[in-house]
Protein backbone atom coordinates (compact mmCIF):
# COMPACT_ATOMS: atom_id res chain seq x y z
CA MET A 1 40.61 38.94 -73.64
CA LEU A 2 43.74 40.09 -75.15
CA ALA A 3 42.47 40.33 -78.67
CA ASN A 4 40.05 43.24 -77.66
CA LYS A 5 42.41 44.69 -74.78
CA CYS A 6 45.81 45.09 -76.57
CA CYS A 7 45.87 43.61 -80.21
CA LEU A 8 48.27 46.02 -82.07
CA GLY A 9 47.69 44.93 -85.77
CA GLY A 10 50.10 45.34 -88.51
CA GLN A 11 53.68 46.02 -87.86
CA ILE A 12 54.75 47.27 -84.18
CA GLY A 13 55.67 50.77 -85.28
CA SER A 14 52.33 51.37 -86.45
CA GLY A 15 50.85 49.61 -83.62
CA VAL A 16 52.73 51.59 -81.08
CA ASN A 17 51.34 54.79 -82.89
CA ASP A 18 47.82 53.44 -82.57
CA VAL A 19 48.34 52.81 -78.61
CA ARG A 20 49.66 56.60 -78.49
CA GLU A 21 46.64 58.12 -80.61
CA LYS A 22 43.87 56.12 -79.65
CA PRO A 23 44.68 54.71 -75.85
CA ASN A 24 40.78 54.34 -74.80
CA GLU A 25 40.06 51.84 -77.69
CA LEU A 26 42.54 49.28 -76.40
CA VAL A 27 39.96 48.67 -73.62
CA ASP A 28 36.51 47.03 -73.77
CA GLU A 29 33.75 49.06 -72.40
CA GLY A 30 33.18 48.13 -69.09
CA ASN A 31 36.69 47.07 -68.41
CA GLY A 32 38.13 50.47 -67.22
CA GLY A 33 41.58 50.66 -66.61
CA ASP A 34 42.09 47.07 -65.73
CA GLY A 35 45.67 45.64 -64.91
CA LEU A 36 46.66 44.63 -68.13
CA HIS A 37 45.56 47.86 -69.58
CA GLN A 38 48.02 49.46 -67.24
CA ILE A 39 50.82 46.98 -68.04
CA TRP A 40 50.24 47.29 -71.75
CA GLY A 41 50.19 51.22 -71.38
CA LYS A 42 53.62 51.44 -69.93
CA TRP A 43 55.32 48.78 -72.34
CA SER A 44 53.74 50.70 -75.33
CA ARG A 45 55.02 54.05 -73.84
CA SER A 46 58.44 52.31 -73.32
CA VAL A 47 58.58 50.79 -76.82
CA SER A 48 57.04 53.87 -78.44
CA MET A 49 59.93 56.24 -76.96
CA ILE A 50 62.49 53.75 -77.94
CA LEU A 51 61.38 53.67 -81.53
CA GLU A 52 60.76 57.44 -81.85
CA THR A 53 64.35 58.04 -81.84
CA VAL A 54 64.83 55.86 -85.00
CA SER A 55 65.70 58.40 -87.79
CA SER A 56 90.81 37.31 -76.41
CA VAL A 57 92.05 35.11 -74.50
CA SER A 58 94.70 32.72 -75.70
CA VAL A 59 95.67 29.58 -73.89
CA ASN A 60 99.17 28.03 -73.90
CA GLN A 61 98.28 24.16 -74.32
CA ASP A 62 98.40 22.06 -77.12
CA ALA A 63 94.78 21.98 -77.82
CA PRO A 64 92.47 24.89 -77.35
CA PRO A 65 89.80 25.02 -74.91
CA SER A 66 86.14 24.02 -75.93
CA PRO A 67 83.49 26.82 -75.99
CA LEU A 68 82.25 25.83 -72.73
CA GLU A 69 85.65 25.87 -71.24
CA TYR A 70 86.35 29.27 -72.74
CA PHE A 71 83.34 30.67 -71.13
CA PHE A 72 84.29 29.31 -67.68
CA LEU A 73 87.80 30.57 -68.13
CA LEU A 74 86.57 33.92 -68.81
CA SER A 75 84.15 33.99 -65.99
CA CYS A 76 85.15 31.47 -63.24
CA PRO A 77 88.71 29.96 -63.91
CA SER A 78 89.11 26.60 -62.04
CA PRO A 79 92.41 25.77 -60.29
CA SER A 80 93.40 23.45 -63.46
CA TRP A 81 93.56 27.17 -65.37
CA SER A 82 96.34 28.59 -63.63
CA SER A 83 97.08 32.23 -64.34
CA ASP A 84 100.61 30.84 -66.08
CA ASN A 85 98.53 29.26 -68.80
CA VAL A 86 96.59 32.43 -69.59
CA ILE A 87 98.90 34.66 -72.01
CA ALA A 88 96.22 37.75 -71.89
CA GLN A 89 97.43 39.06 -68.43
CA PRO A 90 98.67 42.63 -69.19
CA GLU A 91 101.91 43.91 -67.67
CA PRO A 92 101.54 46.23 -64.75
CA VAL A 93 101.92 49.95 -65.88
CA THR A 94 103.27 52.61 -63.74
CA SER A 95 102.09 55.98 -64.28
CA ASN A 96 102.29 59.34 -62.41
CA VAL A 97 98.60 60.02 -63.29
CA GLU A 98 96.44 60.25 -60.28
CA PRO A 99 93.92 57.26 -59.87
CA SER A 100 90.78 59.52 -60.05
CA LYS A 101 91.92 60.90 -63.28
CA ILE A 102 92.37 57.45 -65.29
CA GLU A 103 89.65 56.95 -67.77
CA PRO A 104 87.53 53.80 -67.37
CA ILE A 105 88.11 51.03 -69.76
CA HIS A 106 85.13 50.52 -72.24
CA ARG A 107 83.96 47.35 -73.55
CA LYS A 108 81.18 46.10 -75.80
CA PRO A 109 77.50 45.31 -74.14
CA ARG A 110 77.25 41.67 -73.35
CA ILE A 111 74.24 40.45 -74.67
CA LEU A 112 72.51 37.00 -73.69
CA LEU A 113 70.25 35.86 -76.29
CA ALA A 114 67.81 32.84 -75.35
CA ALA A 115 65.62 30.98 -77.76
CA SER A 116 62.54 28.74 -76.37
CA GLY A 117 60.48 26.22 -78.57
CA SER A 118 58.56 28.08 -81.25
CA VAL A 119 58.71 27.89 -84.92
CA ALA A 120 60.04 31.65 -84.76
CA ALA A 121 63.25 29.95 -83.48
CA ILE A 122 64.18 29.46 -87.22
CA LYS A 123 65.05 33.20 -87.27
CA PHE A 124 67.38 32.78 -84.34
CA GLY A 125 70.65 32.77 -85.95
CA HIS A 126 69.74 35.81 -87.72
CA LEU A 127 69.09 37.49 -84.45
CA CYS A 128 72.41 36.42 -83.22
CA LYS A 129 74.15 37.84 -86.31
CA CYS A 130 72.38 41.10 -85.85
CA PHE A 131 73.79 41.54 -82.25
CA CYS A 132 77.20 40.17 -82.90
CA GLU A 133 77.86 43.13 -85.31
CA TRP A 134 78.02 45.46 -82.08
CA ALA A 135 78.21 43.40 -78.97
CA GLU A 136 79.57 40.35 -77.22
CA VAL A 137 76.86 37.67 -77.50
CA ARG A 138 75.96 34.27 -75.77
CA ALA A 139 73.40 32.25 -76.85
CA VAL A 140 71.09 29.82 -74.75
CA ALA A 141 68.58 27.37 -76.50
CA THR A 142 66.07 25.08 -75.12
CA LYS A 143 65.87 21.38 -76.09
CA SER A 144 62.32 22.30 -77.96
CA ALA A 145 64.22 25.43 -79.55
CA LEU A 146 66.92 23.38 -80.98
CA HIS A 147 64.37 21.53 -83.13
CA PHE A 148 64.07 24.63 -85.25
CA ILE A 149 67.64 26.14 -85.12
CA ASP A 150 70.15 25.23 -87.47
CA LYS A 151 73.55 25.67 -85.67
CA VAL A 152 75.10 26.45 -88.76
CA THR A 153 73.49 29.99 -89.02
CA ILE A 154 74.82 30.55 -85.42
CA PRO A 155 77.94 33.05 -85.86
CA GLU A 156 81.18 31.84 -84.47
CA ASP A 157 81.08 34.54 -82.11
CA ALA A 158 78.03 33.51 -80.45
CA ILE A 159 78.73 30.44 -78.49
CA LEU A 160 75.84 28.55 -77.92
CA PHE A 161 74.89 26.60 -74.65
CA THR A 162 71.89 24.10 -74.13
CA ASP A 163 70.67 22.15 -71.28
CA GLU A 164 73.48 19.46 -71.71
CA ASP A 165 75.88 22.03 -70.82
CA GLU A 166 74.41 23.18 -67.43
CA TRP A 167 76.15 20.60 -65.23
CA SER A 168 78.71 19.01 -67.64
CA HIS A 169 81.54 21.04 -65.89
CA TRP A 170 80.41 20.69 -62.28
CA GLY A 171 82.00 17.93 -60.37
CA LYS A 172 82.45 19.40 -56.84
CA ILE A 173 81.36 21.97 -54.59
CA GLY A 174 82.97 25.39 -55.70
CA ASP A 175 82.75 24.60 -59.46
CA CYS A 176 81.27 26.96 -61.57
CA VAL A 177 77.37 26.88 -61.88
CA LEU A 178 76.78 27.65 -65.60
CA HIS A 179 73.22 29.65 -65.02
CA ILE A 180 74.89 31.64 -62.42
CA GLU A 181 78.00 32.31 -64.24
CA MET A 182 75.53 33.45 -67.40
CA ARG A 183 73.80 35.86 -65.11
CA ARG A 184 76.84 37.15 -63.91
CA TRP A 185 78.36 37.68 -67.28
CA ALA A 186 75.51 39.39 -69.19
CA ASP A 187 74.43 43.03 -68.94
CA ILE A 188 70.81 42.33 -70.83
CA MET A 189 69.00 39.14 -71.56
CA ILE A 190 66.73 38.97 -74.30
CA ILE A 191 64.45 35.82 -75.00
CA ALA A 192 63.30 35.72 -78.45
CA PRO A 193 61.31 33.87 -79.21
CA LEU A 194 59.48 33.29 -76.13
CA SER A 195 57.03 30.79 -76.32
CA ALA A 196 53.72 29.99 -74.69
CA ASN A 197 55.14 27.33 -72.58
CA THR A 198 58.23 29.12 -71.45
CA LEU A 199 56.18 32.33 -70.69
CA GLY A 200 54.11 30.17 -68.25
CA LYS A 201 57.11 28.50 -66.71
CA ILE A 202 58.63 31.88 -65.93
CA ALA A 203 55.59 33.50 -64.62
CA GLY A 204 55.33 30.20 -62.37
CA GLY A 205 58.76 30.49 -61.25
CA LEU A 206 59.64 27.33 -62.62
CA CYS A 207 63.25 26.60 -63.58
CA ASP A 208 63.53 23.22 -65.25
CA ASN A 209 66.16 23.98 -67.93
CA LEU A 210 69.29 26.25 -68.63
CA LEU A 211 67.19 29.17 -69.87
CA THR A 212 64.30 28.97 -66.93
CA SER A 213 67.30 28.62 -64.26
CA ILE A 214 69.11 31.90 -65.31
CA VAL A 215 65.66 33.75 -65.41
CA ARG A 216 65.16 32.40 -61.92
CA ALA A 217 68.66 33.64 -60.89
CA TRP A 218 68.59 36.78 -62.61
CA ASP A 219 69.47 40.03 -61.20
CA TYR A 220 66.54 42.27 -62.15
CA SER A 221 68.71 45.45 -61.80
CA LYS A 222 69.53 44.39 -65.28
CA PRO A 223 67.20 44.48 -68.26
CA VAL A 224 65.40 41.60 -69.42
CA PHE A 225 63.48 41.81 -72.87
CA VAL A 226 60.96 39.32 -74.04
CA ALA A 227 59.67 38.84 -77.74
CA PRO A 228 56.73 36.46 -77.45
CA ALA A 229 55.93 34.05 -80.42
CA MET A 230 53.00 31.88 -80.38
CA ASN A 231 49.42 31.17 -82.16
CA THR A 232 46.71 33.96 -81.99
CA PHE A 233 44.46 31.90 -79.96
CA MET A 234 47.48 31.09 -77.41
CA TRP A 235 47.99 34.82 -77.39
CA ASN A 236 44.49 35.61 -76.53
CA ASN A 237 44.29 32.96 -73.90
CA PRO A 238 43.19 34.50 -70.45
CA PHE A 239 46.30 32.53 -69.01
CA THR A 240 48.42 34.75 -71.17
CA GLU A 241 47.12 37.83 -69.61
CA LYS A 242 48.10 36.40 -66.36
CA HIS A 243 51.52 35.39 -67.21
CA LEU A 244 52.34 38.48 -68.86
CA MET A 245 51.06 40.60 -65.63
CA SER A 246 53.35 38.41 -63.65
CA ILE A 247 56.64 39.00 -65.80
CA ASP A 248 55.79 42.69 -65.67
CA GLU A 249 55.91 42.71 -61.99
CA LEU A 250 59.57 40.95 -62.32
CA GLY A 251 60.47 44.19 -64.34
CA MET A 252 60.73 42.62 -67.76
CA THR A 253 59.89 44.57 -70.87
CA LEU A 254 57.83 43.28 -73.78
CA ILE A 255 58.45 43.67 -77.32
CA PRO A 256 54.78 42.92 -78.63
CA PRO A 257 54.31 40.23 -81.35
CA VAL A 258 52.74 41.59 -84.69
CA THR A 259 49.93 40.37 -86.89
CA LYS A 260 50.74 38.31 -90.05
CA ARG A 261 50.23 35.02 -91.68
CA LEU A 262 51.46 32.47 -89.12
CA ALA A 263 53.51 29.23 -89.68
CA CYS A 264 50.42 27.29 -88.92
CA GLY A 265 48.45 28.97 -91.61
CA ASP A 266 46.27 31.22 -89.39
CA TYR A 267 46.34 34.80 -89.63
CA GLY A 268 46.48 36.92 -86.56
CA ASN A 269 48.43 38.45 -83.66
CA GLY A 270 51.22 36.37 -82.14
CA ALA A 271 54.38 36.53 -84.68
CA MET A 272 57.60 37.24 -83.22
CA ALA A 273 59.00 40.72 -84.16
CA GLU A 274 61.55 40.64 -86.85
CA PRO A 275 65.25 40.45 -85.78
CA SER A 276 66.05 43.54 -87.18
CA LEU A 277 63.49 45.46 -85.08
CA ILE A 278 64.57 43.63 -81.65
CA ASN A 279 68.16 44.36 -82.47
CA ARG A 280 67.30 48.19 -83.17
CA THR A 281 64.96 48.33 -79.99
CA ILE A 282 67.97 47.21 -77.76
CA ARG A 283 70.42 49.40 -79.40
CA LEU A 284 68.11 52.38 -78.83
CA PHE A 285 67.65 51.38 -75.31
CA LEU A 286 71.18 51.27 -74.73
CA GLU A 287 71.56 54.95 -76.11
CA LYS A 288 69.09 56.25 -73.78
CA HIS A 289 70.17 53.87 -70.87
CA PRO A 290 74.09 53.38 -71.14
CA LEU A 291 75.84 50.87 -69.19
CA PRO A 292 77.67 52.29 -66.25
CA ASP A 293 81.45 52.63 -66.88
CA SER A 294 83.79 50.32 -64.87
CA SER A 295 87.62 50.13 -64.54
CA ASN A 296 86.90 46.42 -64.42
CA TRP A 297 85.61 46.06 -67.95
């Protein structure tokens, strides 16, 4: 069971130290190096390595585009958005500099934040605010997550997309598909919180909402981080072990839950890592694995 195999206890920082200093204590006697132990060891080394380093587009129209239209304008303009209406087209610049010597244009990382139906989604606005300080942010929330999210807390710079937006601008073959465009746009995807239900869907390959459709269509040459949040008994459930092994095979990286008093009143492991720690983990990951430069950015 997960409780015996990979319960970190306390805060993530101390838990990672426990993993590093006492690796043999994470496995029950007789279980040896089972699959989850190997996965947990890899995740622990990945997270501990990260933590150890801690010491505009204007439209010439009477009415501005909606957030969804703005996103599509940036990623996949339709014929109705002609180039004549976009005032952000730079004038061609002639230069005697050889093309090979032109420096690449840098931009902020594009972070796709996603929330599923867990009580921890009440922290989603704060999480978006943390990332908006240094990155371009787009946010996705499932129908269940919206029950806990106060939309007022979502920063203006972080456009929030829901299941209702998935096909609202699709009318014919050739129109943009939102979950495909969001996959193309993002450099990194972070699912926080990741509920037990959405974990099971992803592990089984289901894609019945915007969030899971993005995951199913994801390009796994780009990183995905997940921060689970669930009751302790749900976290210790044997299905959770199987599902974690499945998403590990996809290449996702776990930001493990922490032990604390949960919203339901139980005390144990399963609480989502704090937004500040999730934010710091991703920033340090990007410092160690910079995004490739591109003249198209």
